């Protein structure tokens, strides 16, 4: 898994959500590692509607689709996996529930020990952040880029960086070895969705070419 990790915004407008997501997929499905459905304020019916529609869209473009938090929703629609945070079910429990073939991602904030534990419990990837101020999620801490240097020595699964990501400020994190950059606002509110996707993808093209 490498490239842009696209995370959806808290949009109630399903049509708009699908239009922008498809623009991103059209611009670079080969460079989008994952799409995560994340809507913290949606009710069960809306979550099911939006997640089902997004899953069908991602299937058309061959991009893995996962849901944030809701393991039961993942199973209900047969999504490719789930992402869990620090207050959600533990990685080991989720892995046991979903089996060996689903993607299980884990938020590890700025805690390397938490990432190692998640890896040992069966996480498919670990996510670190926030690195920068975010318009979506307020962090009460700042993750230091040097954490990625430490992670390279002990983390075998892909690493994700999150928190206020733009192509410009994600560049030094990709250079330090981050496998994926998670972005919401920088894509969904971009003047040109295609240009934003291409700019994120270029971070990994450049690294591969070196």
N, C-alpha and C. Protein backbone atom coordinates (compact mmCIF):
# COMPACT_ATOMS: atom_id res chain seq x y z
N UNK A 1 0.85 -1.19 0.00
CA UNK A 1 0.00 0.00 0.00
C UNK A 1 0.88 1.24 0.00
N UNK A 2 0.72 2.05 -1.03
CA UNK A 2 1.51 3.28 -1.13
C UNK A 2 0.75 4.31 -1.93
N UNK A 3 0.83 5.56 -1.48
CA UNK A 3 0.21 6.65 -2.23
C UNK A 3 -0.77 7.43 -1.38
N UNK A 4 -1.73 8.04 -2.06
CA UNK A 4 -2.73 8.85 -1.39
C UNK A 4 -3.76 7.97 -0.69
N UNK A 5 -4.04 8.30 0.56
CA UNK A 5 -5.07 7.61 1.35
C UNK A 5 -6.20 8.62 1.48
N UNK A 6 -7.25 8.42 0.70
CA UNK A 6 -8.34 9.38 0.62
C UNK A 6 -9.38 9.10 1.70
N UNK A 7 -9.66 10.12 2.53
CA UNK A 7 -10.63 10.00 3.61
C UNK A 7 -11.78 10.96 3.33
N UNK A 8 -13.00 10.47 3.46
CA UNK A 8 -14.16 11.31 3.11
C UNK A 8 -14.47 12.32 4.21
N UNK A 9 -15.03 13.45 3.84
CA UNK A 9 -15.45 14.47 4.81
C UNK A 9 -16.83 14.15 5.37
N UNK A 10 -17.23 14.89 6.39
CA UNK A 10 -18.56 14.73 7.00
C UNK A 10 -19.62 15.44 6.15
N UNK A 11 -19.86 14.92 4.99
CA UNK A 11 -20.84 15.53 4.09
C UNK A 11 -22.13 14.72 4.11
N UNK A 12 -23.24 15.42 4.31
CA UNK A 12 -24.54 14.76 4.23
C UNK A 12 -25.03 14.62 2.79
N UNK A 13 -24.49 15.45 1.92
CA UNK A 13 -24.89 15.44 0.51
C UNK A 13 -24.21 14.26 -0.19
N UNK A 14 -24.92 13.16 -0.31
CA UNK A 14 -24.33 11.95 -0.87
C UNK A 14 -23.94 12.13 -2.33
N UNK A 15 -24.75 12.83 -3.10
CA UNK A 15 -24.42 13.04 -4.52
C UNK A 15 -23.10 13.80 -4.66
N UNK A 16 -22.94 14.85 -3.87
CA UNK A 16 -21.70 15.62 -3.93
C UNK A 16 -20.52 14.77 -3.49
N UNK A 17 -20.72 13.98 -2.46
CA UNK A 17 -19.66 13.11 -1.97
C UNK A 17 -19.21 12.14 -3.06
N UNK A 18 -20.15 11.57 -3.77
CA UNK A 18 -19.81 10.61 -4.82
C UNK A 18 -19.15 11.29 -6.01
N UNK A 19 -19.62 12.49 -6.36
CA UNK A 19 -19.05 13.20 -7.50
C UNK A 19 -17.58 13.53 -7.26
N UNK A 20 -17.26 14.07 -6.08
CA UNK A 20 -15.87 14.45 -5.79
C UNK A 20 -14.99 13.22 -5.65
N UNK A 21 -15.52 12.19 -5.01
CA UNK A 21 -14.74 10.96 -4.87
C UNK A 21 -14.42 10.36 -6.23
N UNK A 22 -15.40 10.39 -7.13
CA UNK A 22 -15.14 9.83 -8.47
C UNK A 22 -14.14 10.70 -9.23
N UNK A 23 -14.19 12.01 -9.05
CA UNK A 23 -13.19 12.86 -9.69
C UNK A 23 -11.79 12.47 -9.24
N UNK A 24 -11.65 12.19 -7.95
CA UNK A 24 -10.34 11.78 -7.42
C UNK A 24 -9.92 10.43 -8.01
N UNK A 25 -10.84 9.50 -8.06
CA UNK A 25 -10.53 8.18 -8.60
C UNK A 25 -10.19 8.25 -10.09
N UNK A 26 -10.91 9.08 -10.81
CA UNK A 26 -10.61 9.26 -12.23
C UNK A 26 -9.23 9.85 -12.44
N UNK A 27 -8.83 10.72 -11.53
CA UNK A 27 -7.54 11.41 -11.66
C UNK A 27 -6.37 10.49 -11.37
N UNK A 28 -6.59 9.49 -10.55
CA UNK A 28 -5.42 8.68 -10.20
C UNK A 28 -5.74 7.45 -9.39
N UNK A 29 -6.62 6.57 -9.90
CA UNK A 29 -6.94 5.37 -9.13
C UNK A 29 -5.72 4.50 -8.91
N UNK A 30 -4.75 4.55 -9.82
CA UNK A 30 -3.53 3.76 -9.65
C UNK A 30 -2.66 4.30 -8.50
N UNK A 31 -2.91 5.55 -8.12
CA UNK A 31 -2.08 6.19 -7.10
C UNK A 31 -2.84 6.41 -5.79
N UNK A 32 -4.09 5.97 -5.73
CA UNK A 32 -4.86 6.05 -4.50
C UNK A 32 -4.81 4.69 -3.83
N UNK A 33 -4.18 4.64 -2.68
CA UNK A 33 -3.98 3.36 -2.01
C UNK A 33 -5.26 2.84 -1.38
N UNK A 34 -6.02 3.73 -0.76
CA UNK A 34 -7.23 3.37 -0.05
C UNK A 34 -8.21 4.53 -0.08
N UNK A 35 -9.49 4.20 0.03
CA UNK A 35 -10.53 5.19 0.31
C UNK A 35 -11.19 4.77 1.62
N UNK A 36 -11.24 5.71 2.55
CA UNK A 36 -11.89 5.44 3.83
C UNK A 36 -13.16 6.29 3.97
N UNK A 37 -14.26 5.63 4.29
CA UNK A 37 -15.50 6.35 4.59
C UNK A 37 -15.49 6.75 6.06
N UNK A 38 -15.54 8.06 6.28
CA UNK A 38 -15.53 8.59 7.64
C UNK A 38 -16.58 9.69 7.73
N UNK A 39 -17.62 9.42 8.48
CA UNK A 39 -18.65 10.44 8.72
C UNK A 39 -19.07 10.28 10.17
N UNK A 40 -18.51 11.10 11.03
CA UNK A 40 -18.71 10.96 12.47
C UNK A 40 -20.12 11.32 12.92
N UNK A 41 -20.84 12.09 12.12
CA UNK A 41 -22.15 12.59 12.55
C UNK A 41 -23.32 11.87 11.90
N UNK A 42 -23.06 10.96 10.99
CA UNK A 42 -24.14 10.29 10.27
C UNK A 42 -24.85 9.27 11.15
N UNK A 43 -26.14 9.10 10.90
CA UNK A 43 -26.89 8.04 11.54
C UNK A 43 -26.73 6.74 10.80
N UNK A 44 -27.23 5.64 11.35
CA UNK A 44 -27.05 4.32 10.73
C UNK A 44 -27.55 4.23 9.29
N UNK A 45 -28.72 4.79 9.02
CA UNK A 45 -29.28 4.70 7.66
C UNK A 45 -28.42 5.46 6.66
N UNK A 46 -27.97 6.66 7.06
CA UNK A 46 -27.14 7.45 6.15
C UNK A 46 -25.78 6.79 5.94
N UNK A 47 -25.21 6.26 7.01
CA UNK A 47 -23.93 5.56 6.88
C UNK A 47 -24.05 4.40 5.90
N UNK A 48 -25.12 3.64 6.03
CA UNK A 48 -25.30 2.49 5.14
C UNK A 48 -25.46 2.94 3.70
N UNK A 49 -26.26 3.99 3.48
CA UNK A 49 -26.46 4.49 2.12
C UNK A 49 -25.16 4.98 1.51
N UNK A 50 -24.44 5.82 2.24
CA UNK A 50 -23.22 6.41 1.68
C UNK A 50 -22.12 5.36 1.51
N UNK A 51 -21.95 4.51 2.49
CA UNK A 51 -20.89 3.50 2.41
C UNK A 51 -21.16 2.52 1.27
N UNK A 52 -22.41 2.13 1.08
CA UNK A 52 -22.75 1.21 0.00
C UNK A 52 -22.46 1.83 -1.36
N UNK A 53 -22.82 3.11 -1.51
CA UNK A 53 -22.58 3.80 -2.78
C UNK A 53 -21.10 3.99 -3.04
N UNK A 54 -20.34 4.35 -2.00
CA UNK A 54 -18.90 4.54 -2.16
C UNK A 54 -18.20 3.22 -2.46
N UNK A 55 -18.64 2.15 -1.84
CA UNK A 55 -18.05 0.84 -2.10
C UNK A 55 -18.23 0.47 -3.57
N UNK A 56 -19.43 0.66 -4.10
CA UNK A 56 -19.67 0.35 -5.51
C UNK A 56 -18.77 1.18 -6.42
N UNK A 57 -18.58 2.46 -6.06
CA UNK A 57 -17.72 3.34 -6.84
C UNK A 57 -16.28 2.86 -6.81
N UNK A 58 -15.80 2.54 -5.63
CA UNK A 58 -14.41 2.07 -5.51
C UNK A 58 -14.20 0.74 -6.22
N UNK A 59 -15.20 -0.11 -6.20
CA UNK A 59 -15.10 -1.38 -6.92
C UNK A 59 -14.89 -1.14 -8.41
N UNK A 60 -15.58 -0.14 -8.95
CA UNK A 60 -15.46 0.15 -10.38
C UNK A 60 -14.04 0.58 -10.75
N UNK A 61 -13.38 1.24 -9.81
CA UNK A 61 -12.03 1.75 -10.09
C UNK A 61 -10.93 0.86 -9.50
N UNK A 62 -11.31 -0.21 -8.86
CA UNK A 62 -10.33 -1.16 -8.35
C UNK A 62 -9.52 -0.65 -7.17
N UNK A 63 -10.13 0.22 -6.35
CA UNK A 63 -9.44 0.79 -5.19
C UNK A 63 -10.07 0.22 -3.92
N UNK A 64 -9.27 -0.29 -2.98
CA UNK A 64 -9.82 -0.82 -1.74
C UNK A 64 -10.60 0.23 -0.96
N UNK A 65 -11.72 -0.20 -0.38
CA UNK A 65 -12.60 0.69 0.37
C UNK A 65 -12.78 0.17 1.79
N UNK A 66 -12.52 1.04 2.76
CA UNK A 66 -12.68 0.66 4.16
C UNK A 66 -13.57 1.68 4.87
N UNK A 67 -14.09 1.29 6.02
CA UNK A 67 -14.92 2.19 6.79
C UNK A 67 -14.24 2.52 8.11
N UNK A 68 -14.53 3.69 8.62
CA UNK A 68 -13.97 4.14 9.89
C UNK A 68 -14.86 3.66 11.03
N UNK A 69 -14.27 3.00 11.99
CA UNK A 69 -14.92 2.65 13.27
C UNK A 69 -15.89 1.47 13.22
N UNK A 70 -16.80 1.43 12.23
CA UNK A 70 -17.96 0.56 12.32
C UNK A 70 -17.69 -0.82 11.70
N UNK A 71 -17.27 -1.74 12.55
CA UNK A 71 -16.93 -3.08 12.10
C UNK A 71 -18.16 -3.79 11.55
N UNK A 72 -19.29 -3.61 12.19
CA UNK A 72 -20.51 -4.27 11.74
C UNK A 72 -20.92 -3.77 10.35
N UNK A 73 -20.72 -2.48 10.09
CA UNK A 73 -21.02 -1.93 8.76
C UNK A 73 -20.09 -2.53 7.72
N UNK A 74 -18.84 -2.67 8.07
CA UNK A 74 -17.88 -3.30 7.17
C UNK A 74 -18.35 -4.69 6.78
N UNK A 75 -18.80 -5.46 7.75
CA UNK A 75 -19.28 -6.80 7.47
C UNK A 75 -20.58 -6.79 6.68
N UNK A 76 -21.46 -5.85 7.00
CA UNK A 76 -22.77 -5.79 6.35
C UNK A 76 -22.65 -5.57 4.85
N UNK A 77 -21.74 -4.69 4.45
CA UNK A 77 -21.63 -4.38 3.02
C UNK A 77 -20.45 -5.10 2.37
N UNK A 78 -19.71 -5.86 3.15
CA UNK A 78 -18.52 -6.57 2.67
C UNK A 78 -17.48 -5.60 2.12
N UNK A 79 -17.21 -4.55 2.90
CA UNK A 79 -16.12 -3.64 2.56
C UNK A 79 -14.78 -4.35 2.71
N UNK A 80 -13.74 -3.70 2.24
CA UNK A 80 -12.42 -4.34 2.26
C UNK A 80 -11.76 -4.29 3.63
N UNK A 81 -12.31 -3.50 4.54
CA UNK A 81 -11.72 -3.45 5.86
C UNK A 81 -12.25 -2.31 6.69
N UNK A 82 -11.56 -2.04 7.79
CA UNK A 82 -12.01 -1.04 8.76
C UNK A 82 -10.79 -0.34 9.36
N UNK A 83 -11.00 0.89 9.78
CA UNK A 83 -9.97 1.63 10.50
C UNK A 83 -10.47 1.91 11.91
N UNK A 84 -9.64 1.60 12.89
CA UNK A 84 -10.05 1.80 14.28
C UNK A 84 -9.14 2.81 14.96
N UNK A 85 -9.75 3.60 15.86
CA UNK A 85 -9.01 4.59 16.63
C UNK A 85 -8.77 4.12 18.05
N UNK A 86 -8.23 5.01 18.85
CA UNK A 86 -7.86 4.64 20.21
C UNK A 86 -9.03 4.32 21.11
N UNK A 87 -10.22 4.84 20.79
CA UNK A 87 -11.39 4.57 21.63
C UNK A 87 -12.31 3.52 21.02
N UNK A 88 -11.92 2.94 19.89
CA UNK A 88 -12.73 1.92 19.25
C UNK A 88 -12.30 0.54 19.74
N UNK A 89 -12.89 -0.50 19.15
CA UNK A 89 -12.50 -1.86 19.49
C UNK A 89 -11.02 -2.06 19.18
N UNK A 90 -10.35 -2.90 19.96
CA UNK A 90 -8.94 -3.14 19.76
C UNK A 90 -8.64 -3.90 18.48
N UNK A 91 -7.42 -3.75 17.99
CA UNK A 91 -7.03 -4.36 16.73
C UNK A 91 -7.19 -5.87 16.78
N UNK A 92 -6.77 -6.50 17.87
CA UNK A 92 -6.84 -7.96 17.97
C UNK A 92 -8.29 -8.44 17.87
N UNK A 93 -9.21 -7.74 18.54
CA UNK A 93 -10.62 -8.12 18.51
C UNK A 93 -11.20 -7.93 17.12
N UNK A 94 -10.84 -6.84 16.46
CA UNK A 94 -11.35 -6.57 15.12
C UNK A 94 -10.79 -7.59 14.13
N UNK A 95 -9.51 -7.90 14.25
CA UNK A 95 -8.91 -8.90 13.37
C UNK A 95 -9.59 -10.25 13.56
N UNK A 96 -9.88 -10.60 14.79
CA UNK A 96 -10.56 -11.86 15.06
C UNK A 96 -11.96 -11.87 14.44
N UNK A 97 -12.64 -10.74 14.51
CA UNK A 97 -14.01 -10.65 13.99
C UNK A 97 -14.04 -10.68 12.47
N UNK A 98 -13.08 -10.00 11.83
CA UNK A 98 -13.10 -9.87 10.38
C UNK A 98 -12.35 -10.98 9.66
N UNK A 99 -11.44 -11.65 10.36
CA UNK A 99 -10.66 -12.68 9.72
C UNK A 99 -9.37 -12.15 9.12
N UNK A 100 -8.59 -13.03 8.50
CA UNK A 100 -7.25 -12.65 8.06
C UNK A 100 -7.17 -11.84 6.78
N UNK A 101 -8.25 -11.82 6.00
CA UNK A 101 -8.16 -11.24 4.66
C UNK A 101 -8.59 -9.78 4.56
N UNK A 102 -9.21 -9.25 5.60
CA UNK A 102 -9.65 -7.86 5.56
C UNK A 102 -8.53 -6.92 6.01
N UNK A 103 -8.61 -5.67 5.56
CA UNK A 103 -7.69 -4.62 5.99
C UNK A 103 -8.13 -4.12 7.36
N UNK A 104 -7.19 -4.05 8.28
CA UNK A 104 -7.46 -3.46 9.60
C UNK A 104 -6.39 -2.40 9.85
N UNK A 105 -6.81 -1.14 9.85
CA UNK A 105 -5.88 -0.04 10.12
C UNK A 105 -6.06 0.48 11.52
N UNK A 106 -5.01 1.06 12.07
CA UNK A 106 -5.06 1.52 13.46
C UNK A 106 -4.45 2.90 13.60
N UNK A 107 -5.18 3.78 14.29
CA UNK A 107 -4.63 5.09 14.65
C UNK A 107 -3.68 4.91 15.82
N UNK A 108 -2.48 5.43 15.67
CA UNK A 108 -1.47 5.28 16.72
C UNK A 108 -0.94 6.63 17.20
N UNK A 109 -1.51 7.72 16.66
CA UNK A 109 -1.22 9.07 17.13
C UNK A 109 0.29 9.32 17.06
N UNK A 110 0.92 9.66 18.17
CA UNK A 110 2.36 9.86 18.16
C UNK A 110 3.08 8.82 18.99
N UNK A 111 2.46 7.65 19.12
CA UNK A 111 2.92 6.63 20.07
C UNK A 111 3.48 5.43 19.33
N UNK A 112 4.79 5.31 19.31
CA UNK A 112 5.43 4.20 18.62
C UNK A 112 5.11 2.86 19.27
N UNK A 113 5.03 2.84 20.60
CA UNK A 113 4.71 1.59 21.30
C UNK A 113 3.31 1.11 20.93
N UNK A 114 2.39 2.04 20.76
CA UNK A 114 1.04 1.69 20.34
C UNK A 114 1.06 1.09 18.94
N UNK A 115 1.89 1.63 18.08
CA UNK A 115 2.01 1.11 16.71
C UNK A 115 2.59 -0.30 16.71
N UNK A 116 3.59 -0.53 17.52
CA UNK A 116 4.19 -1.87 17.60
C UNK A 116 3.14 -2.87 18.10
N UNK A 117 2.38 -2.48 19.11
CA UNK A 117 1.33 -3.36 19.64
C UNK A 117 0.27 -3.64 18.59
N UNK A 118 -0.13 -2.61 17.84
CA UNK A 118 -1.13 -2.80 16.79
C UNK A 118 -0.61 -3.75 15.72
N UNK A 119 0.64 -3.58 15.35
CA UNK A 119 1.27 -4.47 14.37
C UNK A 119 1.25 -5.91 14.87
N UNK A 120 1.62 -6.09 16.12
CA UNK A 120 1.64 -7.44 16.69
C UNK A 120 0.25 -8.06 16.78
N UNK A 121 -0.76 -7.20 16.91
CA UNK A 121 -2.14 -7.68 17.03
C UNK A 121 -2.81 -7.92 15.67
N UNK A 122 -2.07 -7.66 14.59
CA UNK A 122 -2.61 -7.97 13.28
C UNK A 122 -3.02 -6.80 12.43
N UNK A 123 -2.58 -5.58 12.76
CA UNK A 123 -2.91 -4.42 11.93
C UNK A 123 -2.28 -4.54 10.55
N UNK A 124 -3.03 -4.11 9.54
CA UNK A 124 -2.53 -4.10 8.16
C UNK A 124 -1.65 -2.89 7.91
N UNK A 125 -1.93 -1.81 8.62
CA UNK A 125 -1.13 -0.59 8.56
C UNK A 125 -1.33 0.18 9.86
N UNK A 126 -0.42 1.10 10.12
CA UNK A 126 -0.55 1.97 11.30
C UNK A 126 -0.51 3.42 10.84
N UNK A 127 -1.30 4.26 11.51
CA UNK A 127 -1.41 5.67 11.13
C UNK A 127 -0.87 6.55 12.26
N UNK A 128 0.01 7.47 11.91
CA UNK A 128 0.57 8.41 12.87
C UNK A 128 0.03 9.82 12.57
N UNK A 129 -0.19 10.60 13.61
CA UNK A 129 -0.63 11.98 13.43
C UNK A 129 -1.40 12.46 14.65
N UNK A 130 -1.72 13.78 14.72
CA UNK A 130 -1.49 14.70 13.63
C UNK A 130 -0.15 15.41 13.65
N UNK A 131 0.32 15.59 12.45
CA UNK A 131 1.59 16.28 12.26
C UNK A 131 1.42 17.79 12.14
N UNK A 132 0.31 18.21 11.56
CA UNK A 132 0.05 19.63 11.33
C UNK A 132 -1.37 19.98 11.77
N UNK A 133 -1.66 21.25 11.98
CA UNK A 133 -3.04 21.64 12.35
C UNK A 133 -4.03 21.19 11.28
N UNK A 134 -5.14 20.64 11.71
CA UNK A 134 -6.14 20.09 10.81
C UNK A 134 -7.44 20.87 10.89
N UNK A 135 -8.09 21.03 9.74
CA UNK A 135 -9.41 21.66 9.70
C UNK A 135 -10.51 20.69 10.10
N UNK A 136 -10.19 19.40 10.14
CA UNK A 136 -11.20 18.37 10.40
C UNK A 136 -11.14 17.86 11.82
N UNK A 137 -9.94 17.56 12.31
CA UNK A 137 -9.80 16.97 13.62
C UNK A 137 -8.81 17.77 14.44
N UNK A 138 -9.21 18.12 15.65
CA UNK A 138 -8.34 18.90 16.53
C UNK A 138 -7.52 17.96 17.40
N UNK A 139 -6.22 18.08 17.29
CA UNK A 139 -5.31 17.26 18.09
C UNK A 139 -4.79 18.08 19.26
N UNK A 140 -4.64 17.44 20.43
CA UNK A 140 -4.08 18.14 21.58
C UNK A 140 -2.60 17.84 21.74
N UNK A 141 -1.98 17.41 20.65
CA UNK A 141 -0.54 17.13 20.64
C UNK A 141 -0.07 17.30 19.21
N UNK A 142 1.24 17.32 19.03
CA UNK A 142 1.84 17.38 17.70
C UNK A 142 2.81 16.21 17.57
N UNK A 143 2.66 15.44 16.51
CA UNK A 143 3.55 14.32 16.27
C UNK A 143 4.80 14.83 15.55
N UNK A 144 5.95 14.46 16.06
CA UNK A 144 7.21 14.91 15.47
C UNK A 144 7.57 14.06 14.25
N UNK A 145 8.02 14.67 13.16
CA UNK A 145 8.41 13.90 11.98
C UNK A 145 9.47 12.83 12.29
N UNK A 146 10.31 13.08 13.29
CA UNK A 146 11.35 12.12 13.63
C UNK A 146 10.79 10.76 14.05
N UNK A 147 9.51 10.72 14.43
CA UNK A 147 8.89 9.45 14.79
C UNK A 147 8.96 8.45 13.62
N UNK A 148 8.89 8.98 12.40
CA UNK A 148 8.94 8.10 11.23
C UNK A 148 10.31 7.44 11.10
N UNK A 149 11.35 8.13 11.51
CA UNK A 149 12.69 7.53 11.50
C UNK A 149 12.76 6.36 12.47
N UNK A 150 12.18 6.54 13.64
CA UNK A 150 12.15 5.47 14.63
C UNK A 150 11.28 4.30 14.16
N UNK A 151 10.17 4.62 13.50
CA UNK A 151 9.25 3.59 13.05
C UNK A 151 9.88 2.68 12.00
N UNK A 152 10.74 3.24 11.18
CA UNK A 152 11.36 2.42 10.13
C UNK A 152 12.13 1.24 10.71
N UNK A 153 12.62 1.39 11.94
CA UNK A 153 13.43 0.32 12.54
C UNK A 153 12.59 -0.83 13.09
N UNK A 154 11.31 -0.56 13.41
CA UNK A 154 10.53 -1.59 14.11
C UNK A 154 9.18 -1.90 13.48
N UNK A 155 8.71 -1.05 12.57
CA UNK A 155 7.40 -1.25 11.97
C UNK A 155 7.57 -1.88 10.59
N UNK A 156 6.94 -3.02 10.40
CA UNK A 156 7.05 -3.76 9.13
C UNK A 156 5.86 -3.52 8.22
N UNK A 157 4.74 -3.08 8.79
CA UNK A 157 3.55 -2.81 7.97
C UNK A 157 3.61 -1.38 7.45
N UNK A 158 2.83 -1.05 6.44
CA UNK A 158 2.84 0.32 5.91
C UNK A 158 2.45 1.35 6.97
N UNK A 159 3.01 2.55 6.82
CA UNK A 159 2.72 3.65 7.74
C UNK A 159 1.97 4.76 7.00
N UNK A 160 1.03 5.36 7.71
CA UNK A 160 0.22 6.46 7.18
C UNK A 160 0.48 7.70 8.02
N UNK A 161 0.54 8.85 7.37
CA UNK A 161 0.64 10.12 8.09
C UNK A 161 -0.65 10.90 7.87
N UNK A 162 -1.10 11.57 8.92
CA UNK A 162 -2.38 12.26 8.87
C UNK A 162 -2.32 13.53 9.70
N UNK A 163 -3.20 14.48 9.36
CA UNK A 163 -3.29 15.71 10.14
C UNK A 163 -2.84 16.92 9.36
N UNK A 164 -3.79 17.61 8.71
CA UNK A 164 -3.47 18.83 7.99
C UNK A 164 -2.59 18.64 6.77
N UNK A 165 -2.71 17.50 6.12
CA UNK A 165 -1.80 17.18 5.02
C UNK A 165 -2.10 17.96 3.74
N UNK A 166 -1.05 18.53 3.19
CA UNK A 166 -1.06 19.10 1.85
C UNK A 166 0.09 18.45 1.09
N UNK A 167 0.10 18.52 -0.23
CA UNK A 167 1.25 17.95 -0.94
C UNK A 167 2.57 18.55 -0.50
N UNK A 168 2.55 19.83 -0.14
CA UNK A 168 3.79 20.50 0.25
C UNK A 168 4.29 20.03 1.61
N UNK A 169 3.40 20.02 2.62
CA UNK A 169 3.92 19.66 3.94
C UNK A 169 4.02 18.16 4.14
N UNK A 170 3.41 17.38 3.24
CA UNK A 170 3.57 15.93 3.32
C UNK A 170 4.88 15.46 2.70
N UNK A 171 5.50 16.30 1.88
CA UNK A 171 6.71 15.89 1.17
C UNK A 171 7.82 15.42 2.10
N UNK A 172 8.16 16.16 3.17
CA UNK A 172 9.24 15.67 4.03
C UNK A 172 8.87 14.39 4.78
N UNK A 173 7.58 14.14 4.98
CA UNK A 173 7.16 12.92 5.66
C UNK A 173 7.26 11.73 4.72
N UNK A 174 6.90 11.94 3.46
CA UNK A 174 7.09 10.89 2.46
C UNK A 174 8.57 10.58 2.30
N UNK A 175 9.39 11.62 2.33
CA UNK A 175 10.83 11.43 2.21
C UNK A 175 11.40 10.64 3.39
N UNK A 176 10.75 10.74 4.55
CA UNK A 176 11.19 9.98 5.73
C UNK A 176 10.66 8.54 5.72
N UNK A 177 9.88 8.20 4.71
CA UNK A 177 9.47 6.81 4.58
C UNK A 177 8.00 6.52 4.77
N UNK A 178 7.16 7.54 4.97
CA UNK A 178 5.73 7.28 5.08
C UNK A 178 5.23 6.64 3.79
N UNK A 179 4.42 5.61 3.93
CA UNK A 179 3.93 4.89 2.76
C UNK A 179 2.67 5.50 2.17
N UNK A 180 1.86 6.13 3.02
CA UNK A 180 0.62 6.75 2.57
C UNK A 180 0.41 8.08 3.26
N UNK A 181 -0.23 8.99 2.55
CA UNK A 181 -0.60 10.28 3.11
C UNK A 181 -2.12 10.37 3.11
N UNK A 182 -2.70 10.54 4.29
CA UNK A 182 -4.16 10.64 4.40
C UNK A 182 -4.58 12.09 4.22
N UNK A 183 -5.56 12.31 3.37
CA UNK A 183 -6.01 13.67 3.09
C UNK A 183 -7.52 13.71 2.98
N UNK A 184 -8.10 14.78 3.51
CA UNK A 184 -9.53 15.04 3.37
C UNK A 184 -9.71 16.37 2.66
N UNK A 185 -9.48 17.46 3.40
CA UNK A 185 -9.74 18.80 2.89
C UNK A 185 -8.92 19.13 1.65
N UNK A 186 -7.66 18.71 1.63
CA UNK A 186 -6.78 19.06 0.52
C UNK A 186 -7.24 18.48 -0.81
N UNK A 187 -8.09 17.48 -0.76
CA UNK A 187 -8.67 16.91 -1.99
C UNK A 187 -10.12 17.34 -2.16
N UNK A 188 -10.93 17.15 -1.13
CA UNK A 188 -12.37 17.38 -1.27
C UNK A 188 -12.73 18.86 -1.40
N UNK A 189 -11.87 19.74 -0.94
CA UNK A 189 -12.14 21.17 -1.09
C UNK A 189 -11.14 21.85 -2.01
N UNK A 190 -10.45 21.07 -2.81
CA UNK A 190 -9.47 21.63 -3.74
C UNK A 190 -10.16 22.30 -4.91
N UNK A 191 -9.53 23.35 -5.44
CA UNK A 191 -10.06 23.98 -6.65
C UNK A 191 -10.05 23.00 -7.81
N UNK A 192 -9.02 22.19 -7.87
CA UNK A 192 -8.93 21.13 -8.87
C UNK A 192 -8.62 19.82 -8.14
N UNK A 193 -9.60 18.94 -8.07
CA UNK A 193 -9.41 17.65 -7.40
C UNK A 193 -8.31 16.86 -8.11
N UNK A 194 -8.32 16.87 -9.42
CA UNK A 194 -7.33 16.11 -10.18
C UNK A 194 -5.92 16.59 -9.88
N UNK A 195 -5.73 17.91 -9.85
CA UNK A 195 -4.39 18.44 -9.57
C UNK A 195 -3.93 18.05 -8.16
N UNK A 196 -4.85 18.08 -7.20
CA UNK A 196 -4.50 17.70 -5.84
C UNK A 196 -4.05 16.24 -5.78
N UNK A 197 -4.81 15.37 -6.44
CA UNK A 197 -4.46 13.94 -6.45
C UNK A 197 -3.10 13.73 -7.11
N UNK A 198 -2.88 14.38 -8.22
CA UNK A 198 -1.60 14.24 -8.92
C UNK A 198 -0.43 14.74 -8.07
N UNK A 199 -0.66 15.82 -7.33
CA UNK A 199 0.40 16.37 -6.49
C UNK A 199 0.77 15.41 -5.36
N UNK A 200 -0.22 14.78 -4.75
CA UNK A 200 0.07 13.79 -3.72
C UNK A 200 0.78 12.57 -4.33
N UNK A 201 0.30 12.14 -5.48
CA UNK A 201 0.90 10.97 -6.12
C UNK A 201 2.37 11.22 -6.47
N UNK A 202 2.68 12.46 -6.85
CA UNK A 202 4.05 12.80 -7.24
C UNK A 202 5.04 12.58 -6.10
N UNK A 203 4.58 12.69 -4.86
CA UNK A 203 5.48 12.46 -3.72
C UNK A 203 6.07 11.06 -3.76
N UNK A 204 5.29 10.11 -4.24
CA UNK A 204 5.71 8.72 -4.24
C UNK A 204 6.38 8.33 -5.54
N UNK A 205 5.99 8.99 -6.64
CA UNK A 205 6.70 8.80 -7.90
C UNK A 205 8.16 9.22 -7.74
N UNK A 206 8.35 10.37 -7.11
CA UNK A 206 9.69 10.91 -6.93
C UNK A 206 10.53 10.00 -6.07
N UNK A 207 9.93 9.45 -5.01
CA UNK A 207 10.69 8.58 -4.11
C UNK A 207 11.06 7.28 -4.80
N UNK A 208 10.12 6.73 -5.59
CA UNK A 208 10.39 5.48 -6.29
C UNK A 208 11.49 5.66 -7.32
N UNK A 209 11.54 6.85 -7.93
CA UNK A 209 12.51 7.09 -8.99
C UNK A 209 13.92 7.30 -8.46
N UNK A 210 14.04 7.58 -7.16
CA UNK A 210 15.37 7.86 -6.61
C UNK A 210 16.20 6.60 -6.45
